PDB file of N, CA and C in Angstrom:
ATOM      1  N   MET A   1      12.857 101.002  56.730  1.00  0.00           N
ATOM      2  CA  MET A   1      13.570  99.755  56.808  1.00  0.00           C
ATOM      3  C   MET A   1      14.375  99.685  58.109  1.00  0.00           C
ATOM      4  N   VAL A   2      15.017 100.766  58.476  1.00  0.00           N
ATOM      5  CA  VAL A   2      15.804 100.796  59.713  1.00  0.00           C
ATOM      6  C   VAL A   2      14.881 100.620  60.917  1.00  0.00           C
ATOM      7  N   ARG A   3      13.732 101.252  60.865  1.00  0.00           N
ATOM      8  CA  ARG A   3      12.795 101.134  61.979  1.00  0.00           C
ATOM      9  C   ARG A   3      12.323  99.689  62.140  1.00  0.00           C
ATOM     10  N   ASN A   4      12.017  99.014  61.044  1.00  0.00           N
ATOM     11  CA  ASN A   4      11.611  97.609  61.114  1.00  0.00           C
ATOM     12  C   ASN A   4      12.710  96.759  61.726  1.00  0.00           C
ATOM     13  N   TYR A   5      13.937  97.013  61.333  1.00  0.00           N
ATOM     14  CA  TYR A   5      15.069  96.260  61.873  1.00  0.00           C
ATOM     15  C   TYR A   5      15.202  96.499  63.376  1.00  0.00           C
ATOM     16  N   ILE A   6      15.087  97.735  63.807  1.00  0.00           N
ATOM     17  CA  ILE A   6      15.203  98.055  65.240  1.00  0.00           C
ATOM     18  C   ILE A   6      14.043  97.426  66.012  1.00  0.00           C
ATOM     19  N   ASP A   7      12.838  97.503  65.470  1.00  0.00           N
ATOM     20  CA  ASP A   7      11.696  96.861  66.123  1.00  0.00           C
ATOM     21  C   ASP A   7      11.918  95.361  66.263  1.00  0.00           C
ATOM     22  N   TRP A   8      12.398  94.738  65.205  1.00  0.00           N
ATOM     23  CA  TRP A   8      12.675  93.306  65.240  1.00  0.00           C
ATOM     24  C   TRP A   8      13.753  92.995  66.273  1.00  0.00           C
ATOM     25  N   LEU A   9      14.805  93.788  66.287  1.00  0.00           N
ATOM     26  CA  LEU A   9      15.912  93.586  67.217  1.00  0.00           C
ATOM     27  C   LEU A   9      15.448  93.704  68.666  1.00  0.00           C
ATOM     28  N   LEU A  10      14.605  94.668  68.944  1.00  0.00           N
ATOM     29  CA  LEU A  10      14.093  94.858  70.300  1.00  0.00           C
ATOM     30  C   LEU A  10      13.094  93.780  70.707  1.00  0.00           C
ATOM     31  N   SER A  11      12.473  93.130  69.743  1.00  0.00           N
ATOM     32  CA  SER A  11      11.484  92.099  70.066  1.00  0.00           C
ATOM     33  C   SER A  11      12.116  90.735  70.353  1.00  0.00           C
ATOM     34  N   LEU A  12      13.405  90.587  70.110  1.00  0.00           N
ATOM     35  CA  LEU A  12      14.072  89.305  70.373  1.00  0.00           C
ATOM     36  C   LEU A  12      14.102  89.017  71.870  1.00  0.00           C
ATOM     37  N   PRO A  13      13.938  87.751  72.253  1.00  0.00           N
ATOM     38  CA  PRO A  13      13.928  87.391  73.681  1.00  0.00           C
ATOM     39  C   PRO A  13      15.353  87.286  74.241  1.00  0.00           C
ATOM     40  N   TRP A  14      15.988  88.389  74.499  1.00  0.00           N
ATOM     41  CA  TRP A  14      17.400  88.422  74.872  1.00  0.00           C
ATOM     42  C   TRP A  14      17.711  87.682  76.164  1.00  0.00           C
ATOM     43  N   PHE A  15      16.805  87.669  77.119  1.00  0.00           N
ATOM     44  CA  PHE A  15      17.122  87.100  78.427  1.00  0.00           C
ATOM     45  C   PHE A  15      16.392  85.792  78.711  1.00  0.00           C
ATOM     46  N   GLU A  16      15.714  85.222  77.728  1.00  0.00           N
ATOM     47  CA  GLU A  16      15.054  83.931  77.909  1.00  0.00           C
ATOM     48  C   GLU A  16      16.057  82.815  77.655  1.00  0.00           C
ATOM     49  N   LYS A  17      16.014  81.807  78.502  1.00  0.00           N
ATOM     50  CA  LYS A  17      16.901  80.654  78.345  1.00  0.00           C
ATOM     51  C   LYS A  17      16.066  79.395  78.183  1.00  0.00           C
ATOM     52  N   THR A  18      16.604  78.437  77.471  1.00  0.00           N
ATOM     53  CA  THR A  18      15.955  77.143  77.312  1.00  0.00           C
ATOM     54  C   THR A  18      16.943  76.056  77.687  1.00  0.00           C
ATOM     55  N   LYS A  19      16.434  74.900  78.032  1.00  0.00           N
ATOM     56  CA  LYS A  19      17.293  73.766  78.359  1.00  0.00           C
ATOM     57  C   LYS A  19      17.750  73.130  77.047  1.00  0.00           C
ATOM     58  N   ASP A  20      19.036  72.889  76.936  1.00  0.00           N
ATOM     59  CA  ASP A  20      19.591  72.302  75.718  1.00  0.00           C
ATOM     60  C   ASP A  20      19.339  70.806  75.692  1.00  0.00           C
ATOM     61  N   LYS A  21      19.021  70.296  74.504  1.00  0.00           N
ATOM     62  CA  LYS A  21      18.823  68.864  74.308  1.00  0.00           C
ATOM     63  C   LYS A  21      20.063  68.320  73.602  1.00  0.00           C
ATOM     64  N   LEU A  22      20.753  67.415  74.264  1.00  0.00           N
ATOM     65  CA  LEU A  22      21.975  66.853  73.684  1.00  0.00           C
ATOM     66  C   LEU A  22      21.821  65.356  73.427  1.00  0.00           C
ATOM     67  N   ASP A  23      20.607  64.909  73.128  1.00  0.00           N
ATOM     68  CA  ASP A  23      20.346  63.500  72.845  1.00  0.00           C
ATOM     69  C   ASP A  23      20.790  63.197  71.417  1.00  0.00           C
ATOM     70  N   ILE A  24      21.925  62.547  71.302  1.00  0.00           N
ATOM     71  CA  ILE A  24      22.533  62.298  69.989  1.00  0.00           C
ATOM     72  C   ILE A  24      21.688  61.341  69.159  1.00  0.00           C
ATOM     73  N   ASP A  25      21.120  60.310  69.807  1.00  0.00           N
ATOM     74  CA  ASP A  25      20.295  59.345  69.067  1.00  0.00           C
ATOM     75  C   ASP A  25      19.058  60.015  68.465  1.00  0.00           C
ATOM     76  N   GLU A  26      18.420  60.870  69.235  1.00  0.00           N
ATOM     77  CA  GLU A  26      17.229  61.554  68.712  1.00  0.00           C
ATOM     78  C   GLU A  26      17.610  62.545  67.612  1.00  0.00           C
ATOM     79  N   ALA A  27      18.708  63.240  67.793  1.00  0.00           N
ATOM     80  CA  ALA A  27      19.157  64.184  66.759  1.00  0.00           C
ATOM     81  C   ALA A  27      19.464  63.439  65.455  1.00  0.00           C
ATOM     82  N   THR A  28      20.122  62.291  65.572  1.00  0.00           N
ATOM     83  CA  THR A  28      20.440  61.492  64.381  1.00  0.00           C
ATOM     84  C   THR A  28      19.159  61.039  63.699  1.00  0.00           C
ATOM     85  N   ARG A  29      18.204  60.566  64.492  1.00  0.00           N
ATOM     86  CA  ARG A  29      16.934  60.105  63.941  1.00  0.00           C
ATOM     87  C   ARG A  29      16.213  61.236  63.199  1.00  0.00           C
ATOM     88  N   ILE A  30      16.139  62.404  63.808  1.00  0.00           N
ATOM     89  CA  ILE A  30      15.462  63.545  63.182  1.00  0.00           C
ATOM     90  C   ILE A  30      16.161  63.968  61.892  1.00  0.00           C
ATOM     91  N   LEU A  31      17.488  64.036  61.934  1.00  0.00           N
ATOM     92  CA  LEU A  31      18.226  64.432  60.729  1.00  0.00           C
ATOM     93  C   LEU A  31      18.029  63.426  59.600  1.00  0.00           C
ATOM     94  N   GLU A  32      18.037  62.128  59.927  1.00  0.00           N
ATOM     95  CA  GLU A  32      17.862  61.098  58.896  1.00  0.00           C
ATOM     96  C   GLU A  32      16.447  61.110  58.327  1.00  0.00           C
ATOM     97  N   GLU A  33      15.442  61.353  59.179  1.00  0.00           N
ATOM     98  CA  GLU A  33      14.056  61.370  58.717  1.00  0.00           C
ATOM     99  C   GLU A  33      13.752  62.590  57.846  1.00  0.00           C
ATOM    100  N   ASP A  34      14.238  63.732  58.261  1.00  0.00           N
ATOM    101  CA  ASP A  34      13.802  64.987  57.647  1.00  0.00           C
ATOM    102  C   ASP A  34      14.720  65.554  56.575  1.00  0.00           C
ATOM    103  N   HIS A  35      15.929  65.045  56.439  1.00  0.00           N
ATOM    104  CA  HIS A  35      16.894  65.665  55.523  1.00  0.00           C
ATOM    105  C   HIS A  35      17.609  64.597  54.707  1.00  0.00           C
ATOM    106  N   TYR A  36      17.170  64.432  53.486  1.00  0.00           N
ATOM    107  CA  TYR A  36      17.786  63.458  52.596  1.00  0.00           C
ATOM    108  C   TYR A  36      19.134  63.964  52.124  1.00  0.00           C
ATOM    109  N   GLY A  37      20.119  63.068  52.100  1.00  0.00           N
ATOM    110  CA  GLY A  37      21.453  63.473  51.666  1.00  0.00           C
ATOM    111  C   GLY A  37      22.119  64.336  52.728  1.00  0.00           C
ATOM    112  N   LEU A  38      22.824  65.352  52.324  1.00  0.00           N
ATOM    113  CA  LEU A  38      23.473  66.308  53.229  1.00  0.00           C
ATOM    114  C   LEU A  38      24.310  65.614  54.303  1.00  0.00           C
ATOM    115  N   GLU A  39      25.047  64.592  53.917  1.00  0.00           N
ATOM    116  CA  GLU A  39      25.782  63.789  54.897  1.00  0.00           C
ATOM    117  C   GLU A  39      26.823  64.589  55.676  1.00  0.00           C
ATOM    118  N   LYS A  40      27.573  65.436  55.011  1.00  0.00           N
ATOM    119  CA  LYS A  40      28.611  66.218  55.711  1.00  0.00           C
ATOM    120  C   LYS A  40      28.020  67.156  56.762  1.00  0.00           C
ATOM    121  N   PRO A  41      26.996  67.964  56.420  1.00  0.00           N
ATOM    122  CA  PRO A  41      26.418  68.834  57.456  1.00  0.00           C
ATOM    123  C   PRO A  41      25.812  68.040  58.614  1.00  0.00           C
ATOM    124  N   LYS A  42      25.145  66.929  58.312  1.00  0.00           N
ATOM    125  CA  LYS A  42      24.553  66.116  59.380  1.00  0.00           C
ATOM    126  C   LYS A  42      25.645  65.534  60.283  1.00  0.00           C
ATOM    127  N   GLU A  43      26.717  65.077  59.678  1.00  0.00           N
ATOM    128  CA  GLU A  43      27.837  64.528  60.450  1.00  0.00           C
ATOM    129  C   GLU A  43      28.438  65.600  61.366  1.00  0.00           C
ATOM    130  N   ARG A  44      28.571  66.801  60.857  1.00  0.00           N
ATOM    131  CA  ARG A  44      29.138  67.905  61.647  1.00  0.00           C
ATOM    132  C   ARG A  44      28.231  68.279  62.822  1.00  0.00           C
ATOM    133  N   ILE A  45      26.926  68.281  62.604  1.00  0.00           N
ATOM    134  CA  ILE A  45      25.983  68.600  63.678  1.00  0.00           C
ATOM    135  C   ILE A  45      26.043  67.542  64.772  1.00  0.00           C
ATOM    136  N   ILE A  46      26.065  66.271  64.392  1.00  0.00           N
ATOM    137  CA  ILE A  46      26.133  65.183  65.383  1.00  0.00           C
ATOM    138  C   ILE A  46      27.461  65.223  66.128  1.00  0.00           C
ATOM    139  N   GLU A  47      28.547  65.507  65.427  1.00  0.00           N
ATOM    140  CA  GLU A  47      29.859  65.631  66.064  1.00  0.00           C
ATOM    141  C   GLU A  47      29.845  66.768  67.101  1.00  0.00           C
ATOM    142  N   TYR A  48      29.263  67.880  66.750  1.00  0.00           N
ATOM    143  CA  TYR A  48      29.175  69.029  67.651  1.00  0.00           C
ATOM    144  C   TYR A  48      28.377  68.661  68.910  1.00  0.00           C
ATOM    145  N   LEU A  49      27.228  68.006  68.731  1.00  0.00           N
ATOM    146  CA  LEU A  49      26.411  67.601  69.876  1.00  0.00           C
ATOM    147  C   LEU A  49      27.148  66.607  70.768  1.00  0.00           C
ATOM    148  N   ALA A  50      27.895  65.680  70.164  1.00  0.00           N
ATOM    149  CA  ALA A  50      28.633  64.692  70.941  1.00  0.00           C
ATOM    150  C   ALA A  50      29.706  65.351  71.807  1.00  0.00           C
ATOM    151  N   VAL A  51      30.427  66.297  71.261  1.00  0.00           N
ATOM    152  CA  VAL A  51      31.463  67.001  72.025  1.00  0.00           C
ATOM    153  C   VAL A  51      30.821  67.798  73.158  1.00  0.00           C
ATOM    154  N   GLN A  52      29.722  68.483  72.869  1.00  0.00           N
ATOM    155  CA  GLN A  52      29.047  69.260  73.907  1.00  0.00           C
ATOM    156  C   GLN A  52      28.542  68.360  75.030  1.00  0.00           C
ATOM    157  N   ALA A  53      28.061  67.167  74.694  1.00  0.00           N
ATOM    158  CA  ALA A  53      27.581  66.232  75.709  1.00  0.00           C
ATOM    159  C   ALA A  53      28.735  65.732  76.574  1.00  0.00           C
ATOM    160  N   LEU A  54      29.905  65.549  75.986  1.00  0.00           N
ATOM    161  CA  LEU A  54      31.064  65.059  76.743  1.00  0.00           C
ATOM    162  C   LEU A  54      31.628  66.101  77.695  1.00  0.00           C
ATOM    163  N   VAL A  55      31.725  67.335  77.258  1.00  0.00           N
ATOM    164  CA  VAL A  55      32.347  68.363  78.092  1.00  0.00           C
ATOM    165  C   VAL A  55      31.373  68.999  79.068  1.00  0.00           C
ATOM    166  N   LYS A  56      30.088  68.743  78.907  1.00  0.00           N
ATOM    167  CA  LYS A  56      29.051  69.214  79.834  1.00  0.00           C
ATOM    168  C   LYS A  56      28.928  70.730  79.936  1.00  0.00           C
ATOM    169  N   LYS A  57      29.396  71.450  78.970  1.00  0.00           N
ATOM    170  CA  LYS A  57      29.139  72.884  78.953  1.00  0.00           C
ATOM    171  C   LYS A  57      28.902  73.323  77.518  1.00  0.00           C
ATOM    172  N   ILE A  58      27.954  74.190  77.384  1.00  0.00           N
ATOM    173  CA  ILE A  58      27.587  74.669  76.054  1.00  0.00           C
ATOM    174  C   ILE A  58      28.404  75.907  75.752  1.00  0.00           C
ATOM    175  N   LYS A  59      29.540  75.671  75.207  1.00  0.00           N
ATOM    176  CA  LYS A  59      30.421  76.758  74.820  1.00  0.00           C
ATOM    177  C   LYS A  59      31.251  76.236  73.669  1.00  0.00           C
ATOM    178  N   GLY A  60      31.380  77.000  72.662  1.00  0.00           N
ATOM    179  CA  GLY A  60      32.154  76.536  71.532  1.00  0.00           C
ATOM    180  C   GLY A  60      31.780  77.287  70.279  1.00  0.00           C
ATOM    181  N   PRO A  61      32.154  76.739  69.144  1.00  0.00           N
ATOM    182  CA  PRO A  61      31.915  77.442  67.890  1.00  0.00           C
ATOM    183  C   PRO A  61      30.437  77.501  67.553  1.00  0.00           C
ATOM    184  N   ILE A  62      30.068  78.506  66.816  1.00  0.00           N
ATOM    185  CA  ILE A  62      28.719  78.624  66.288  1.00  0.00           C
ATOM    186  C   ILE A  62      28.727  77.960  64.921  1.00  0.00           C
ATOM    187  N   LEU A  63      27.775  77.085  64.704  1.00  0.00           N
ATOM    188  CA  LEU A  63      27.692  76.432  63.406  1.00  0.00           C
ATOM    189  C   LEU A  63      27.106  77.416  62.410  1.00  0.00           C
ATOM    190  N   CYS A  64      27.858  77.706  61.379  1.00  0.00           N
ATOM    191  CA  CYS A  64      27.426  78.657  60.369  1.00  0.00           C
ATOM    192  C   CYS A  64      27.611  77.999  59.009  1.00  0.00           C
ATOM    193  N   SER A  65      26.761  78.339  58.097  1.00  0.00           N
ATOM    194  CA  SER A  65      26.853  77.701  56.784  1.00  0.00           C
ATOM    195  C   SER A  65      27.020  78.741  55.688  1.00  0.00           C
ATOM    196  N   TRP A  66      27.445  78.270  54.564  1.00  0.00           N
ATOM    197  CA  TRP A  66      27.616  79.107  53.396  1.00  0.00           C
ATOM    198  C   TRP A  66      26.894  78.425  52.239  1.00  0.00           C
ATOM    199  N   ASP A  67      26.119  79.180  51.519  1.00  0.00           N
ATOM    200  CA  ASP A  67      25.540  78.669  50.288  1.00  0.00           C
ATOM    201  C   ASP A  67      25.569  79.780  49.247  1.00  0.00           C
ATOM    202  N   ARG A  68      25.018  79.527  48.127  1.00  0.00           N
ATOM    203  CA  ARG A  68      25.115  80.519  47.039  1.00  0.00           C
ATOM    204  C   ARG A  68      24.376  81.813  47.346  1.00  0.00           C
ATOM    205  N   ARG A  69      23.510  81.798  48.391  1.00  0.00           N
ATOM    206  CA  ARG A  69      22.802  83.023  48.767  1.00  0.00           C
ATOM    207  C   ARG A  69      23.590  83.849  49.774  1.00  0.00           C
ATOM    208  N   GLY A  70      24.602  83.261  50.404  1.00  0.00           N
ATOM    209  CA  GLY A  70      25.403  84.031  51.350  1.00  0.00           C
ATOM    210  C   GLY A  70      25.610  83.321  52.670  1.00  0.00           C
ATOM    211  N   TRP A  71      26.187  84.042  53.632  1.00  0.00           N
ATOM    212  CA  TRP A  71      26.514  83.512  54.951  1.00  0.00           C
ATOM    213  C   TRP A  71      25.318  83.554  55.875  1.00  0.00           C
ATOM    214  N   GLY A  72      25.393  82.732  56.915  1.00  0.00           N
ATOM    215  CA  GLY A  72      24.474  82.833  58.031  1.00  0.00           C
ATOM    216  C   GLY A  72      23.127  82.175  57.858  1.00  0.00           C
ATOM    217  N   ARG A  73      22.891  81.510  56.778  1.00  0.00           N
ATOM    218  CA  ARG A  73      21.631  80.803  56.616  1.00  0.00           C
ATOM    219  C   ARG A  73      21.684  79.527  57.458  1.00  0.00           C
ATOM    220  N   PRO A  74      20.542  79.104  58.004  1.00  0.00           N
ATOM    221  CA  PRO A  74      20.550  77.827  58.733  1.00  0.00           C
ATOM    222  C   PRO A  74      20.984  76.708  57.782  1.00  0.00           C
ATOM    223  N   PRO A  75      21.852  75.811  58.251  1.00  0.00           N
ATOM    224  CA  PRO A  75      22.340  74.768  57.362  1.00  0.00           C
ATOM    225  C   PRO A  75      21.246  73.800  56.927  1.00  0.00           C
ATOM    226  N   LEU A  76      20.225  73.617  57.773  1.00  0.00           N
ATOM    227  CA  LEU A  76      19.124  72.719  57.453  1.00  0.00           C
ATOM    228  C   LEU A  76      17.824  73.416  57.862  1.00  0.00           C
ATOM    229  N   PRO A  77      16.742  73.106  57.202  1.00  0.00           N
ATOM    230  CA  PRO A  77      15.472  73.733  57.591  1.00  0.00           C
ATOM    231  C   PRO A  77      15.111  73.414  59.040  1.00  0.00           C
ATOM    232  N   SER A  78      14.480  74.358  59.714  1.00  0.00           N
ATOM    233  CA  SER A  78      14.077  74.156  61.098  1.00  0.00           C
ATOM    234  C   SER A  78      12.956  73.135  61.172  1.00  0.00           C
ATOM    235  N   ARG A  79      12.907  72.438  62.263  1.00  0.00           N
ATOM    236  CA  ARG A  79      11.883  71.425  62.474  1.00  0.00           C
ATOM    237  C   ARG A  79      10.675  72.045  63.101  1.00  0.00           C
TER     238      ARG A  79
END
């Protein structure tokens, strides 16, 4: 089990960077299309993107969620 974890950890792309997308209208559209309900988490994600777009630097809190299974799960399924 430890070996699998270390292999996984070493396989992560530590030095790869991607361009961030801060298009609030598109994010809102995607969240509304793909995630029924969940108004509070969607509102928080859009608020976070809006602040990041205004300050022009990607630095700030990490969005983390809590559910009955524990911490650190993605708040919404990946697209």
